[in-house]
């Protein structure tokens, strides 16, 4: 039998109402998805309705039975003791179907609110250590650079499933090693399969130092997907937003010899401010100027159903365990149906049955 591949899908935020997000979660469960991922933002570049995700996840978990829920957030906006208490509580409500993902954070969700996020990787590591220690049920004393606890305890612990899995978002060398050492799972950005393979090897290096109780690490790819009748149709819905789909720092790592002009350097999604019109303009300009169709198609999954399956098989061959899909298809209702009725069942079969 081939390994079990998980399929997660991003909730349609921003813009969807709380009720729409609950209904989307119910439909995702019925359609065979393993997880719904919620981007944990205060604001987005698109100025649309943006609810607080853990409240939505809590509500959605009471309307579902099997599907798992998690967020992609940061370690800066909540003290890890409060985060640990919240997640232990949601673990009870969802009966073990909740997880978290900690990353570097985005400027738009931090700077306007005066929230410090210097040394983000140190904050991630300390947060993970504090939360796991508190979930043990023991009294915790911790002396860190950012967090200091003395005889602290939680009076609720996770009791369902495998506790609260912690995924760590990482693309840089140090972060990849941290993900391998501390994460139940690793999440990385959209990138070509050959680059994912290289990043995965760095995670494996970090995993040599992981606590044996953590078990193996689940490797998750956050990837943009567009399904059409062919690659031309699929690309048509991606092209207008291509500036947000490729991280410029990954271009050279993927083998593209492109020198970005100084005026565009430093422009990436995590550093964009939605209220800075000039920054947004340059961000979009950069995508149009440097991201050819060849590059974009290399970094995402797009095309017909057959194209999608072929590209996914390439990713699985280099170690992807979990596809976290962000759908930008021209017809989202059709793509949702294709994924749920044709693509997920295809990968649920054994290798001999395909």
C-alpha atoms as a PDB file:
ATOM      1  CA  UNK A   1       0.000   0.000   0.000  1.00  0.00           C
ATOM      2  CA  UNK A   2       1.184   3.527  -0.717  1.00  0.00           C
ATOM      3  CA  UNK A   3       1.399   5.990   2.167  1.00  0.00           C
ATOM      4  CA  UNK A   4      -1.713   7.836   3.237  1.00  0.00           C
ATOM      5  CA  UNK A   5      -1.793  11.302   1.671  1.00  0.00           C
ATOM      6  CA  UNK A   6      -3.791  13.976   3.459  1.00  0.00           C
ATOM      7  CA  UNK A   7      -5.750  16.697   1.716  1.00  0.00           C
ATOM      8  CA  UNK A   8      -6.439  19.960   3.494  1.00  0.00           C
ATOM      9  CA  UNK A   9      -8.129  22.998   2.034  1.00  0.00           C
ATOM     10  CA  UNK A  10      -7.937  26.652   2.962  1.00  0.00           C
ATOM     11  CA  UNK A  11     -11.116  28.234   4.246  1.00  0.00           C
ATOM     12  CA  UNK A  12     -12.435  30.916   1.855  1.00  0.00           C
ATOM     13  CA  UNK A  13     -11.198  33.935   3.780  1.00  0.00           C
ATOM     14  CA  UNK A  14     -11.309  36.850   3.749  1.00  0.00           C
ATOM     15  CA  UNK A  15     -14.833  37.721   2.703  1.00  0.00           C
ATOM     16  CA  UNK A  16     -16.919  34.738   3.801  1.00  0.00           C
ATOM     17  CA  UNK A  17     -19.342  35.177   6.672  1.00  0.00           C
ATOM     18  CA  UNK A  18     -19.031  33.125   9.851  1.00  0.00           C
ATOM     19  CA  UNK A  19     -22.017  31.020   8.794  1.00  0.00           C
ATOM     20  CA  UNK A  20     -20.514  30.522   5.327  1.00  0.00           C
ATOM     21  CA  UNK A  21     -17.274  29.279   6.908  1.00  0.00           C
ATOM     22  CA  UNK A  22     -19.159  26.804   9.088  1.00  0.00           C
ATOM     23  CA  UNK A  23     -21.081  25.526   6.057  1.00  0.00           C
ATOM     24  CA  UNK A  24     -17.862  25.301   4.049  1.00  0.00           C
ATOM     25  CA  UNK A  25     -16.351  23.160   6.814  1.00  0.00           C
ATOM     26  CA  UNK A  26     -19.355  20.838   6.804  1.00  0.00           C
ATOM     27  CA  UNK A  27     -19.135  20.474   3.032  1.00  0.00           C
ATOM     28  CA  UNK A  28     -15.378  19.836   3.185  1.00  0.00           C
ATOM     29  CA  UNK A  29     -15.970  16.985   5.619  1.00  0.00           C
ATOM     30  CA  UNK A  30     -18.673  15.462   3.417  1.00  0.00           C
ATOM     31  CA  UNK A  31     -16.344  15.751   0.430  1.00  0.00           C
ATOM     32  CA  UNK A  32     -13.526  13.755   1.971  1.00  0.00           C
ATOM     33  CA  UNK A  33     -11.032  16.431   2.986  1.00  0.00           C
ATOM     34  CA  UNK A  34      -8.883  15.659   6.001  1.00  0.00           C
ATOM     35  CA  UNK A  35      -8.558  19.236   7.258  1.00  0.00           C
ATOM     36  CA  UNK A  36      -9.706  22.808   6.881  1.00  0.00           C
ATOM     37  CA  UNK A  37      -6.940  25.362   7.388  1.00  0.00           C
ATOM     38  CA  UNK A  38      -7.776  28.909   8.461  1.00  0.00           C
ATOM     39  CA  UNK A  39      -5.273  31.716   7.799  1.00  0.00           C
ATOM     40  CA  UNK A  40      -5.108  33.511  11.156  1.00  0.00           C
ATOM     41  CA  UNK A  41      -5.200  37.187  10.200  1.00  0.00           C
ATOM     42  CA  UNK A  42      -6.498  40.383  11.737  1.00  0.00           C
ATOM     43  CA  UNK A  43      -6.490  41.935   8.264  1.00  0.00           C
ATOM     44  CA  UNK A  44      -5.699  40.853   4.708  1.00  0.00           C
ATOM     45  CA  UNK A  45      -4.514  42.771   1.651  1.00  0.00           C
ATOM     46  CA  UNK A  46      -8.066  42.421   0.358  1.00  0.00           C
ATOM     47  CA  UNK A  47     -10.138  44.503   2.753  1.00  0.00           C
ATOM     48  CA  UNK A  48     -12.982  42.087   3.367  1.00  0.00           C
ATOM     49  CA  UNK A  49     -14.732  40.507   6.350  1.00  0.00           C
ATOM     50  CA  UNK A  50     -12.135  38.771   8.533  1.00  0.00           C
ATOM     51  CA  UNK A  51     -13.514  36.894  11.576  1.00  0.00           C
ATOM     52  CA  UNK A  52     -11.367  35.579  14.435  1.00  0.00           C
ATOM     53  CA  UNK A  53     -10.504  32.065  13.338  1.00  0.00           C
ATOM     54  CA  UNK A  54     -10.517  30.132  16.601  1.00  0.00           C
ATOM     55  CA  UNK A  55     -14.093  31.193  17.310  1.00  0.00           C
ATOM     56  CA  UNK A  56     -15.064  29.961  13.839  1.00  0.00           C
ATOM     57  CA  UNK A  57     -13.123  26.711  14.287  1.00  0.00           C
ATOM     58  CA  UNK A  58     -14.826  26.081  17.619  1.00  0.00           C
ATOM     59  CA  UNK A  59     -18.249  26.597  16.068  1.00  0.00           C
ATOM     60  CA  UNK A  60     -17.409  24.491  12.997  1.00  0.00           C
ATOM     61  CA  UNK A  61     -16.165  21.621  15.157  1.00  0.00           C
ATOM     62  CA  UNK A  62     -19.606  21.325  16.775  1.00  0.00           C
ATOM     63  CA  UNK A  63     -21.183  20.878  13.326  1.00  0.00           C
ATOM     64  CA  UNK A  64     -18.771  18.158  12.147  1.00  0.00           C
ATOM     65  CA  UNK A  65     -17.539  14.764  13.293  1.00  0.00           C
ATOM     66  CA  UNK A  66     -14.303  13.791  11.542  1.00  0.00           C
ATOM     67  CA  UNK A  67     -12.557  16.648   9.814  1.00  0.00           C
ATOM     68  CA  UNK A  68      -9.659  18.414  11.548  1.00  0.00           C
ATOM     69  CA  UNK A  69      -9.218  22.161  11.953  1.00  0.00           C
ATOM     70  CA  UNK A  70      -6.198  24.354  12.310  1.00  0.00           C
ATOM     71  CA  UNK A  71      -4.764  27.757  11.647  1.00  0.00           C
ATOM     72  CA  UNK A  72      -1.659  29.301  10.181  1.00  0.00           C
ATOM     73  CA  UNK A  73      -0.724  31.930  12.736  1.00  0.00           C
ATOM     74  CA  UNK A  74       2.216  33.233  14.712  1.00  0.00           C
ATOM     75  CA  UNK A  75       3.760  33.121  18.172  1.00  0.00           C
ATOM     76  CA  UNK A  76       3.514  36.869  18.770  1.00  0.00           C
ATOM     77  CA  UNK A  77      -0.121  37.803  19.342  1.00  0.00           C
ATOM     78  CA  UNK A  78      -0.871  35.534  22.286  1.00  0.00           C
ATOM     79  CA  UNK A  79       1.101  34.490  25.353  1.00  0.00           C
ATOM     80  CA  UNK A  80       1.799  30.753  25.077  1.00  0.00           C
ATOM     81  CA  UNK A  81       0.105  30.023  28.407  1.00  0.00           C
ATOM     82  CA  UNK A  82      -3.144  31.578  27.136  1.00  0.00           C
ATOM     83  CA  UNK A  83      -2.684  29.844  23.783  1.00  0.00           C
ATOM     84  CA  UNK A  84      -2.170  26.516  25.569  1.00  0.00           C
ATOM     85  CA  UNK A  85      -5.340  26.968  27.631  1.00  0.00           C
ATOM     86  CA  UNK A  86      -7.358  27.925  24.557  1.00  0.00           C
ATOM     87  CA  UNK A  87      -6.097  24.958  22.557  1.00  0.00           C
ATOM     88  CA  UNK A  88      -6.680  22.506  25.403  1.00  0.00           C
ATOM     89  CA  UNK A  89     -10.260  23.750  25.620  1.00  0.00           C
ATOM     90  CA  UNK A  90     -10.803  23.461  21.858  1.00  0.00           C
ATOM     91  CA  UNK A  91      -9.305  19.971  22.032  1.00  0.00           C
ATOM     92  CA  UNK A  92     -12.179  19.020  24.338  1.00  0.00           C
ATOM     93  CA  UNK A  93     -14.826  20.695  22.192  1.00  0.00           C
ATOM     94  CA  UNK A  94     -13.532  19.199  18.933  1.00  0.00           C
ATOM     95  CA  UNK A  95     -12.638  15.870  20.578  1.00  0.00           C
ATOM     96  CA  UNK A  96      -9.073  16.020  19.357  1.00  0.00           C
ATOM     97  CA  UNK A  97      -9.646  17.521  15.898  1.00  0.00           C
ATOM     98  CA  UNK A  98      -7.705  20.770  16.312  1.00  0.00           C
ATOM     99  CA  UNK A  99      -4.085  21.699  15.593  1.00  0.00           C
ATOM    100  CA  UNK A 100      -1.989  24.840  15.336  1.00  0.00           C
ATOM    101  CA  UNK A 101       0.680  26.128  12.990  1.00  0.00           C
ATOM    102  CA  UNK A 102       3.182  28.718  14.146  1.00  0.00           C
ATOM    103  CA  UNK A 103       5.174  30.840  11.726  1.00  0.00           C
ATOM    104  CA  UNK A 104       7.111  34.071  11.474  1.00  0.00           C
ATOM    105  CA  UNK A 105       4.007  36.257  11.211  1.00  0.00           C
ATOM    106  CA  UNK A 106       3.004  39.033   8.800  1.00  0.00           C
ATOM    107  CA  UNK A 107       3.750  42.703   9.155  1.00  0.00           C
ATOM    108  CA  UNK A 108       0.117  43.638   8.450  1.00  0.00           C
ATOM    109  CA  UNK A 109      -1.106  41.712  11.503  1.00  0.00           C
ATOM    110  CA  UNK A 110       1.510  43.017  13.925  1.00  0.00           C
ATOM    111  CA  UNK A 111       3.027  46.425  13.252  1.00  0.00           C
ATOM    112  CA  UNK A 112      -0.217  48.462  13.202  1.00  0.00           C
ATOM    113  CA  UNK A 113      -1.121  47.066  16.618  1.00  0.00           C
ATOM    114  CA  UNK A 114       2.250  47.644  18.264  1.00  0.00           C
ATOM    115  CA  UNK A 115       2.946  43.921  18.661  1.00  0.00           C
ATOM    116  CA  UNK A 116       6.649  43.075  18.837  1.00  0.00           C
ATOM    117  CA  UNK A 117       7.950  40.313  16.612  1.00  0.00           C
ATOM    118  CA  UNK A 118      11.698  40.551  16.800  1.00  0.00           C
ATOM    119  CA  UNK A 119      13.530  37.217  16.855  1.00  0.00           C
ATOM    120  CA  UNK A 120      10.435  35.356  15.604  1.00  0.00           C
ATOM    121  CA  UNK A 121      12.133  31.965  15.502  1.00  0.00           C
ATOM    122  CA  UNK A 122      13.156  32.242  19.165  1.00  0.00           C
ATOM    123  CA  UNK A 123       9.577  33.149  20.035  1.00  0.00           C
ATOM    124  CA  UNK A 124       8.290  30.100  18.162  1.00  0.00           C
ATOM    125  CA  UNK A 125      10.645  27.734  19.969  1.00  0.00           C
ATOM    126  CA  UNK A 126       9.885  29.186  23.403  1.00  0.00           C
ATOM    127  CA  UNK A 127       6.131  29.094  22.720  1.00  0.00           C
ATOM    128  CA  UNK A 128       6.264  25.440  21.699  1.00  0.00           C
ATOM    129  CA  UNK A 129       8.268  24.513  24.801  1.00  0.00           C
ATOM    130  CA  UNK A 130       5.947  26.426  27.141  1.00  0.00           C
ATOM    131  CA  UNK A 131       2.735  25.034  25.657  1.00  0.00           C
ATOM    132  CA  UNK A 132       3.886  21.424  25.690  1.00  0.00           C
ATOM    133  CA  UNK A 133       5.164  21.770  29.245  1.00  0.00           C
ATOM    134  CA  UNK A 134       1.842  23.190  30.427  1.00  0.00           C
ATOM    135  CA  UNK A 135      -0.116  20.484  28.598  1.00  0.00           C
ATOM    136  CA  UNK A 136       1.778  17.888  30.640  1.00  0.00           C
ATOM    137  CA  UNK A 137      -0.276  18.859  33.685  1.00  0.00           C
ATOM    138  CA  UNK A 138       2.831  19.516  35.758  1.00  0.00           C
ATOM    139  CA  UNK A 139       3.870  22.748  37.450  1.00  0.00           C
ATOM    140  CA  UNK A 140       6.096  24.666  35.026  1.00  0.00           C
ATOM    141  CA  UNK A 141       8.994  27.022  35.616  1.00  0.00           C
ATOM    142  CA  UNK A 142      10.579  28.416  32.471  1.00  0.00           C
ATOM    143  CA  UNK A 143      13.318  30.991  32.049  1.00  0.00           C
ATOM    144  CA  UNK A 144      13.440  32.179  28.439  1.00  0.00           C
ATOM    145  CA  UNK A 145      14.363  35.267  26.494  1.00  0.00           C
ATOM    146  CA  UNK A 146      10.722  36.240  25.970  1.00  0.00           C
ATOM    147  CA  UNK A 147       8.701  34.132  28.393  1.00  0.00           C
ATOM    148  CA  UNK A 148       9.271  33.511  32.092  1.00  0.00           C
ATOM    149  CA  UNK A 149       7.040  31.247  34.148  1.00  0.00           C
ATOM    150  CA  UNK A 150       7.310  30.278  37.804  1.00  0.00           C
ATOM    151  CA  UNK A 151       5.286  27.400  39.225  1.00  0.00           C
ATOM    152  CA  UNK A 152       2.703  27.922  36.474  1.00  0.00           C
ATOM    153  CA  UNK A 153       0.055  25.367  35.611  1.00  0.00           C
ATOM    154  CA  UNK A 154      -3.016  24.767  33.486  1.00  0.00           C
ATOM    155  CA  UNK A 155      -6.113  23.323  35.022  1.00  0.00           C
ATOM    156  CA  UNK A 156      -7.216  21.818  31.732  1.00  0.00           C
ATOM    157  CA  UNK A 157      -5.132  19.539  29.499  1.00  0.00           C
ATOM    158  CA  UNK A 158      -5.779  18.088  26.037  1.00  0.00           C
ATOM    159  CA  UNK A 159      -7.477  14.717  26.501  1.00  0.00           C
ATOM    160  CA  UNK A 160      -8.648  13.678  23.035  1.00  0.00           C
ATOM    161  CA  UNK A 161      -6.919  12.379  19.937  1.00  0.00           C
ATOM    162  CA  UNK A 162      -3.178  12.913  19.842  1.00  0.00           C
ATOM    163  CA  UNK A 163      -3.344  16.061  21.933  1.00  0.00           C
ATOM    164  CA  UNK A 164      -2.746  19.307  20.068  1.00  0.00           C
ATOM    165  CA  UNK A 165      -0.323  18.826  17.167  1.00  0.00           C
ATOM    166  CA  UNK A 166       1.953  21.803  16.509  1.00  0.00           C
ATOM    167  CA  UNK A 167       3.018  22.459  12.936  1.00  0.00           C
ATOM    168  CA  UNK A 168       5.858  24.884  12.289  1.00  0.00           C
ATOM    169  CA  UNK A 169       5.934  26.979   9.123  1.00  0.00           C
ATOM    170  CA  UNK A 170       9.443  27.229   7.713  1.00  0.00           C
ATOM    171  CA  UNK A 171      11.377  27.967   4.534  1.00  0.00           C
ATOM    172  CA  UNK A 172      14.766  29.310   5.726  1.00  0.00           C
ATOM    173  CA  UNK A 173      17.662  27.070   6.868  1.00  0.00           C
ATOM    174  CA  UNK A 174      17.411  27.740  10.627  1.00  0.00           C
ATOM    175  CA  UNK A 175      13.622  27.545  10.620  1.00  0.00           C
ATOM    176  CA  UNK A 176      13.694  24.247   8.722  1.00  0.00           C
ATOM    177  CA  UNK A 177      15.934  22.716  11.370  1.00  0.00           C
ATOM    178  CA  UNK A 178      13.658  24.054  14.112  1.00  0.00           C
ATOM    179  CA  UNK A 179      10.614  22.548  12.362  1.00  0.00           C
ATOM    180  CA  UNK A 180      12.358  19.193  12.175  1.00  0.00           C
ATOM    181  CA  UNK A 181      13.374  19.270  15.828  1.00  0.00           C
ATOM    182  CA  UNK A 182      10.177  20.604  17.419  1.00  0.00           C
ATOM    183  CA  UNK A 183       7.240  20.240  15.037  1.00  0.00           C
ATOM    184  CA  UNK A 184       4.617  17.531  14.886  1.00  0.00           C
ATOM    185  CA  UNK A 185       4.327  18.821  11.351  1.00  0.00           C
ATOM    186  CA  UNK A 186       6.182  21.113   8.958  1.00  0.00           C
ATOM    187  CA  UNK A 187       4.440  23.541   6.591  1.00  0.00           C
ATOM    188  CA  UNK A 188       6.198  25.300   3.757  1.00  0.00           C
ATOM    189  CA  UNK A 189       5.232  27.692   0.985  1.00  0.00           C
ATOM    190  CA  UNK A 190       4.456  26.989  -2.641  1.00  0.00           C
ATOM    191  CA  UNK A 191       7.586  25.893  -4.477  1.00  0.00           C
ATOM    192  CA  UNK A 192       8.672  23.449  -7.201  1.00  0.00           C
ATOM    193  CA  UNK A 193       9.041  19.782  -6.223  1.00  0.00           C
ATOM    194  CA  UNK A 194      12.838  19.846  -6.599  1.00  0.00           C
ATOM    195  CA  UNK A 195      13.074  22.696  -4.076  1.00  0.00           C
ATOM    196  CA  UNK A 196      10.671  20.987  -1.677  1.00  0.00           C
ATOM    197  CA  UNK A 197      12.996  17.982  -1.765  1.00  0.00           C
ATOM    198  CA  UNK A 198      15.943  20.146  -0.724  1.00  0.00           C
ATOM    199  CA  UNK A 199      13.983  21.818   2.069  1.00  0.00           C
ATOM    200  CA  UNK A 200      12.733  18.439   3.259  1.00  0.00           C
ATOM    201  CA  UNK A 201      16.301  17.199   3.660  1.00  0.00           C
ATOM    202  CA  UNK A 202      17.041  20.184   5.920  1.00  0.00           C
ATOM    203  CA  UNK A 203      13.991  19.301   8.029  1.00  0.00           C
ATOM    204  CA  UNK A 204      15.291  15.748   8.296  1.00  0.00           C
ATOM    205  CA  UNK A 205      18.595  17.090   9.638  1.00  0.00           C
ATOM    206  CA  UNK A 206      16.754  18.948  12.391  1.00  0.00           C
ATOM    207  CA  UNK A 207      14.668  15.859  13.118  1.00  0.00           C
ATOM    208  CA  UNK A 208      17.785  14.015  14.234  1.00  0.00           C
ATOM    209  CA  UNK A 209      17.515  16.014  17.477  1.00  0.00           C
ATOM    210  CA  UNK A 210      13.759  15.673  18.023  1.00  0.00           C
ATOM    211  CA  UNK A 211      12.187  14.139  21.102  1.00  0.00           C
ATOM    212  CA  UNK A 212      11.480  10.487  20.343  1.00  0.00           C
ATOM    213  CA  UNK A 213       7.980  10.921  21.814  1.00  0.00           C
ATOM    214  CA  UNK A 214       7.070  13.214  18.915  1.00  0.00           C
ATOM    215  CA  UNK A 215       7.215  10.422  16.353  1.00  0.00           C
ATOM    216  CA  UNK A 216       7.755  11.180  12.675  1.00  0.00           C
ATOM    217  CA  UNK A 217       7.093  14.652  11.276  1.00  0.00           C
ATOM    218  CA  UNK A 218       4.258  15.268   8.808  1.00  0.00           C
ATOM    219  CA  UNK A 219       5.448  17.283   5.801  1.00  0.00           C
ATOM    220  CA  UNK A 220       2.844  19.715   4.510  1.00  0.00           C
ATOM    221  CA  UNK A 221       2.923  21.798   1.348  1.00  0.00           C
ATOM    222  CA  UNK A 222       0.857  24.986   1.205  1.00  0.00           C
ATOM    223  CA  UNK A 223       0.171  25.189  -2.510  1.00  0.00           C
ATOM    224  CA  UNK A 224      -2.019  27.233  -4.843  1.00  0.00           C
ATOM    225  CA  UNK A 225      -4.191  25.206  -7.173  1.00  0.00           C
ATOM    226  CA  UNK A 226      -6.191  26.068 -10.268  1.00  0.00           C
ATOM    227  CA  UNK A 227      -8.206  23.475 -12.170  1.00  0.00           C
ATOM    228  CA  UNK A 228      -9.495  24.138 -15.681  1.00  0.00           C
ATOM    229  CA  UNK A 229     -10.114  22.241 -18.873  1.00  0.00           C
ATOM    230  CA  UNK A 230      -6.470  22.799 -19.753  1.00  0.00           C
ATOM    231  CA  UNK A 231      -3.431  24.749 -18.555  1.00  0.00           C
ATOM    232  CA  UNK A 232      -4.417  27.892 -20.450  1.00  0.00           C
ATOM    233  CA  UNK A 233      -7.778  28.129 -18.709  1.00  0.00           C
ATOM    234  CA  UNK A 234      -6.281  27.261 -15.326  1.00  0.00           C
ATOM    235  CA  UNK A 235      -3.549  29.900 -15.694  1.00  0.00           C
ATOM    236  CA  UNK A 236      -6.053  32.592 -16.682  1.00  0.00           C
ATOM    237  CA  UNK A 237      -7.378  32.869 -13.115  1.00  0.00           C
ATOM    238  CA  UNK A 238      -3.891  32.802 -11.604  1.00  0.00           C
ATOM    239  CA  UNK A 239      -2.172  35.402 -13.774  1.00  0.00           C
ATOM    240  CA  UNK A 240      -3.809  38.519 -12.218  1.00  0.00           C
ATOM    241  CA  UNK A 241      -2.661  37.528  -8.708  1.00  0.00           C
ATOM    242  CA  UNK A 242       0.692  35.948  -9.517  1.00  0.00           C
ATOM    243  CA  UNK A 243       2.535  38.591  -7.502  1.00  0.00           C
ATOM    244  CA  UNK A 244       1.175  36.971  -4.319  1.00  0.00           C
ATOM    245  CA  UNK A 245       1.917  33.368  -5.285  1.00  0.00           C
ATOM    246  CA  UNK A 246       5.710  33.291  -5.580  1.00  0.00           C
ATOM    247  CA  UNK A 247       8.158  34.268  -2.851  1.00  0.00           C
ATOM    248  CA  UNK A 248      11.023  36.166  -4.531  1.00  0.00           C
ATOM    249  CA  UNK A 249      13.603  34.733  -2.127  1.00  0.00           C
ATOM    250  CA  UNK A 250      12.849  31.263  -3.508  1.00  0.00           C
ATOM    251  CA  UNK A 251      13.519  32.130  -7.156  1.00  0.00           C
ATOM    252  CA  UNK A 252      17.277  31.636  -7.069  1.00  0.00           C
ATOM    253  CA  UNK A 253      16.872  28.561  -4.846  1.00  0.00           C
ATOM    254  CA  UNK A 254      14.618  27.092  -7.532  1.00  0.00           C
ATOM    255  CA  UNK A 255      17.275  27.724 -10.169  1.00  0.00           C
ATOM    256  CA  UNK A 256      16.041  30.979 -11.719  1.00  0.00           C
ATOM    257  CA  UNK A 257      18.782  33.506 -12.428  1.00  0.00           C
ATOM    258  CA  UNK A 258      16.787  36.704 -11.958  1.00  0.00           C
ATOM    259  CA  UNK A 259      18.152  39.933 -10.547  1.00  0.00           C
ATOM    260  CA  UNK A 260      15.335  41.940  -8.966  1.00  0.00           C
ATOM    261  CA  UNK A 261      15.754  45.717  -9.085  1.00  0.00           C
ATOM    262  CA  UNK A 262      16.437  47.484  -5.799  1.00  0.00           C
ATOM    263  CA  UNK A 263      13.052  49.215  -5.784  1.00  0.00           C
ATOM    264  CA  UNK A 264      11.325  45.820  -5.533  1.00  0.00           C
ATOM    265  CA  UNK A 265      13.657  44.084  -3.107  1.00  0.00           C
ATOM    266  CA  UNK A 266      12.093  43.118   0.204  1.00  0.00           C
ATOM    267  CA  UNK A 267       8.592  43.029  -1.249  1.00  0.00           C
ATOM    268  CA  UNK A 268       7.043  39.771  -0.144  1.00  0.00           C
ATOM    269  CA  UNK A 269       3.681  38.830   1.276  1.00  0.00           C
ATOM    270  CA  UNK A 270       4.745  38.835   4.936  1.00  0.00           C
ATOM    271  CA  UNK A 271       5.983  42.434   4.691  1.00  0.00           C
ATOM    272  CA  UNK A 272       3.115  44.039   2.758  1.00  0.00           C
ATOM    273  CA  UNK A 273       0.983  46.699   4.439  1.00  0.00           C
ATOM    274  CA  UNK A 274      -2.578  46.850   3.045  1.00  0.00           C
ATOM    275  CA  UNK A 275      -2.884  50.610   3.630  1.00  0.00           C
ATOM    276  CA  UNK A 276       0.337  51.435   1.764  1.00  0.00           C
ATOM    277  CA  UNK A 277      -0.881  52.052  -1.780  1.00  0.00           C
ATOM    278  CA  UNK A 278       2.622  52.565  -3.167  1.00  0.00           C
ATOM    279  CA  UNK A 279       3.852  49.302  -1.640  1.00  0.00           C
ATOM    280  CA  UNK A 280       0.868  47.417  -3.068  1.00  0.00           C
ATOM    281  CA  UNK A 281       1.454  48.926  -6.489  1.00  0.00           C
ATOM    282  CA  UNK A 282       5.111  47.899  -6.504  1.00  0.00           C
ATOM    283  CA  UNK A 283       4.226  44.437  -5.212  1.00  0.00           C
ATOM    284  CA  UNK A 284       1.902  43.879  -8.161  1.00  0.00           C
ATOM    285  CA  UNK A 285       4.393  45.433 -10.571  1.00  0.00           C
ATOM    286  CA  UNK A 286       7.078  43.049  -9.379  1.00  0.00           C
ATOM    287  CA  UNK A 287       4.904  40.063 -10.195  1.00  0.00           C
ATOM    288  CA  UNK A 288       4.161  41.309 -13.685  1.00  0.00           C
ATOM    289  CA  UNK A 289       7.793  42.181 -14.345  1.00  0.00           C
ATOM    290  CA  UNK A 290       9.585  39.089 -13.056  1.00  0.00           C
ATOM    291  CA  UNK A 291       7.151  36.177 -12.747  1.00  0.00           C
ATOM    292  CA  UNK A 292       6.753  34.577 -16.159  1.00  0.00           C
ATOM    293  CA  UNK A 293       4.114  31.971 -16.839  1.00  0.00           C
ATOM    294  CA  UNK A 294       6.846  29.318 -16.727  1.00  0.00           C
ATOM    295  CA  UNK A 295       7.863  30.371 -13.222  1.00  0.00           C
ATOM    296  CA  UNK A 296       4.332  30.602 -11.878  1.00  0.00           C
ATOM    297  CA  UNK A 297       3.348  27.203 -13.268  1.00  0.00           C
ATOM    298  CA  UNK A 298       6.509  25.741 -11.732  1.00  0.00           C
ATOM    299  CA  UNK A 299       5.557  27.033  -8.281  1.00  0.00           C
ATOM    300  CA  UNK A 300       1.881  26.021  -8.258  1.00  0.00           C
ATOM    301  CA  UNK A 301      -0.411  23.171  -9.347  1.00  0.00           C
ATOM    302  CA  UNK A 302      -2.527  24.141 -12.346  1.00  0.00           C
ATOM    303  CA  UNK A 303      -4.146  22.600 -15.394  1.00  0.00           C
ATOM    304  CA  UNK A 304      -6.552  19.784 -16.150  1.00  0.00           C
ATOM    305  CA  UNK A 305      -7.338  16.997 -13.721  1.00  0.00           C
ATOM    306  CA  UNK A 306      -4.605  14.909 -15.326  1.00  0.00           C
ATOM    307  CA  UNK A 307      -2.108  17.778 -14.953  1.00  0.00           C
ATOM    308  CA  UNK A 308      -3.015  18.141 -11.276  1.00  0.00           C
ATOM    309  CA  UNK A 309      -2.550  14.439 -10.546  1.00  0.00           C
ATOM    310  CA  UNK A 310       0.790  14.331 -12.349  1.00  0.00           C
ATOM    311  CA  UNK A 311       2.159  17.320 -10.421  1.00  0.00           C
ATOM    312  CA  UNK A 312       0.889  15.965  -7.106  1.00  0.00           C
ATOM    313  CA  UNK A 313       2.626  12.663  -7.796  1.00  0.00           C
ATOM    314  CA  UNK A 314       5.872  14.589  -8.311  1.00  0.00           C
ATOM    315  CA  UNK A 315       5.434  16.227  -4.912  1.00  0.00           C
ATOM    316  CA  UNK A 316       4.595  12.947  -3.196  1.00  0.00           C
ATOM    317  CA  UNK A 317       7.754  11.418  -4.681  1.00  0.00           C
ATOM    318  CA  UNK A 318       9.863  14.064  -2.885  1.00  0.00           C
ATOM    319  CA  UNK A 319       8.152  13.656   0.480  1.00  0.00           C
ATOM    320  CA  UNK A 320       4.868  15.586   0.664  1.00  0.00           C
ATOM    321  CA  UNK A 321       2.469  13.961   3.140  1.00  0.00           C
ATOM    322  CA  UNK A 322      -0.238  16.630   3.251  1.00  0.00           C
ATOM    323  CA  UNK A 323      -1.456  19.013   0.558  1.00  0.00           C
ATOM    324  CA  UNK A 324      -2.815  22.264   1.993  1.00  0.00           C
ATOM    325  CA  UNK A 325      -4.674  23.680  -1.005  1.00  0.00           C
ATOM    326  CA  UNK A 326      -5.565  27.298  -1.699  1.00  0.00           C
ATOM    327  CA  UNK A 327      -7.991  27.242  -4.618  1.00  0.00           C
ATOM    328  CA  UNK A 328      -7.872  29.934  -7.286  1.00  0.00           C
ATOM    329  CA  UNK A 329      -9.649  27.970 -10.024  1.00  0.00           C
ATOM    330  CA  UNK A 330     -11.788  29.830 -12.569  1.00  0.00           C
ATOM    331  CA  UNK A 331     -14.803  27.782 -11.427  1.00  0.00           C
ATOM    332  CA  UNK A 332     -14.411  26.978  -7.729  1.00  0.00           C
ATOM    333  CA  UNK A 333     -17.558  24.861  -7.489  1.00  0.00           C
ATOM    334  CA  UNK A 334     -16.321  22.650 -10.309  1.00  0.00           C
ATOM    335  CA  UNK A 335     -12.784  22.444  -8.914  1.00  0.00           C
ATOM    336  CA  UNK A 336     -14.090  21.511  -5.455  1.00  0.00           C
ATOM    337  CA  UNK A 337     -16.059  18.694  -7.039  1.00  0.00           C
ATOM    338  CA  UNK A 338     -13.103  17.500  -9.119  1.00  0.00           C
ATOM    339  CA  UNK A 339     -10.821  17.461  -6.075  1.00  0.00           C
ATOM    340  CA  UNK A 340     -13.322  15.689  -3.841  1.00  0.00           C
ATOM    341  CA  UNK A 341     -14.757  13.183  -6.335  1.00  0.00           C
ATOM    342  CA  UNK A 342     -11.783  12.431  -8.563  1.00  0.00           C
ATOM    343  CA  UNK A 343      -8.446  13.566  -7.162  1.00  0.00           C
ATOM    344  CA  UNK A 344      -8.793  12.593  -3.488  1.00  0.00           C
ATOM    345  CA  UNK A 345     -10.237   9.140  -4.369  1.00  0.00           C
ATOM    346  CA  UNK A 346      -7.391   8.602  -6.847  1.00  0.00           C
ATOM    347  CA  UNK A 347      -4.795   9.091  -4.143  1.00  0.00           C
ATOM    348  CA  UNK A 348      -6.759   7.043  -1.619  1.00  0.00           C
ATOM    349  CA  UNK A 349      -6.253   3.951  -3.761  1.00  0.00           C
ATOM    350  CA  UNK A 350      -3.264   1.714  -3.273  1.00  0.00           C
ATOM    351  CA  UNK A 351      -0.381   2.008  -5.690  1.00  0.00           C
ATOM    352  CA  UNK A 352      -1.398  -1.297  -7.275  1.00  0.00           C
ATOM    353  CA  UNK A 353      -4.939  -0.099  -7.912  1.00  0.00           C
ATOM    354  CA  UNK A 354      -4.043   3.135  -9.720  1.00  0.00           C
END
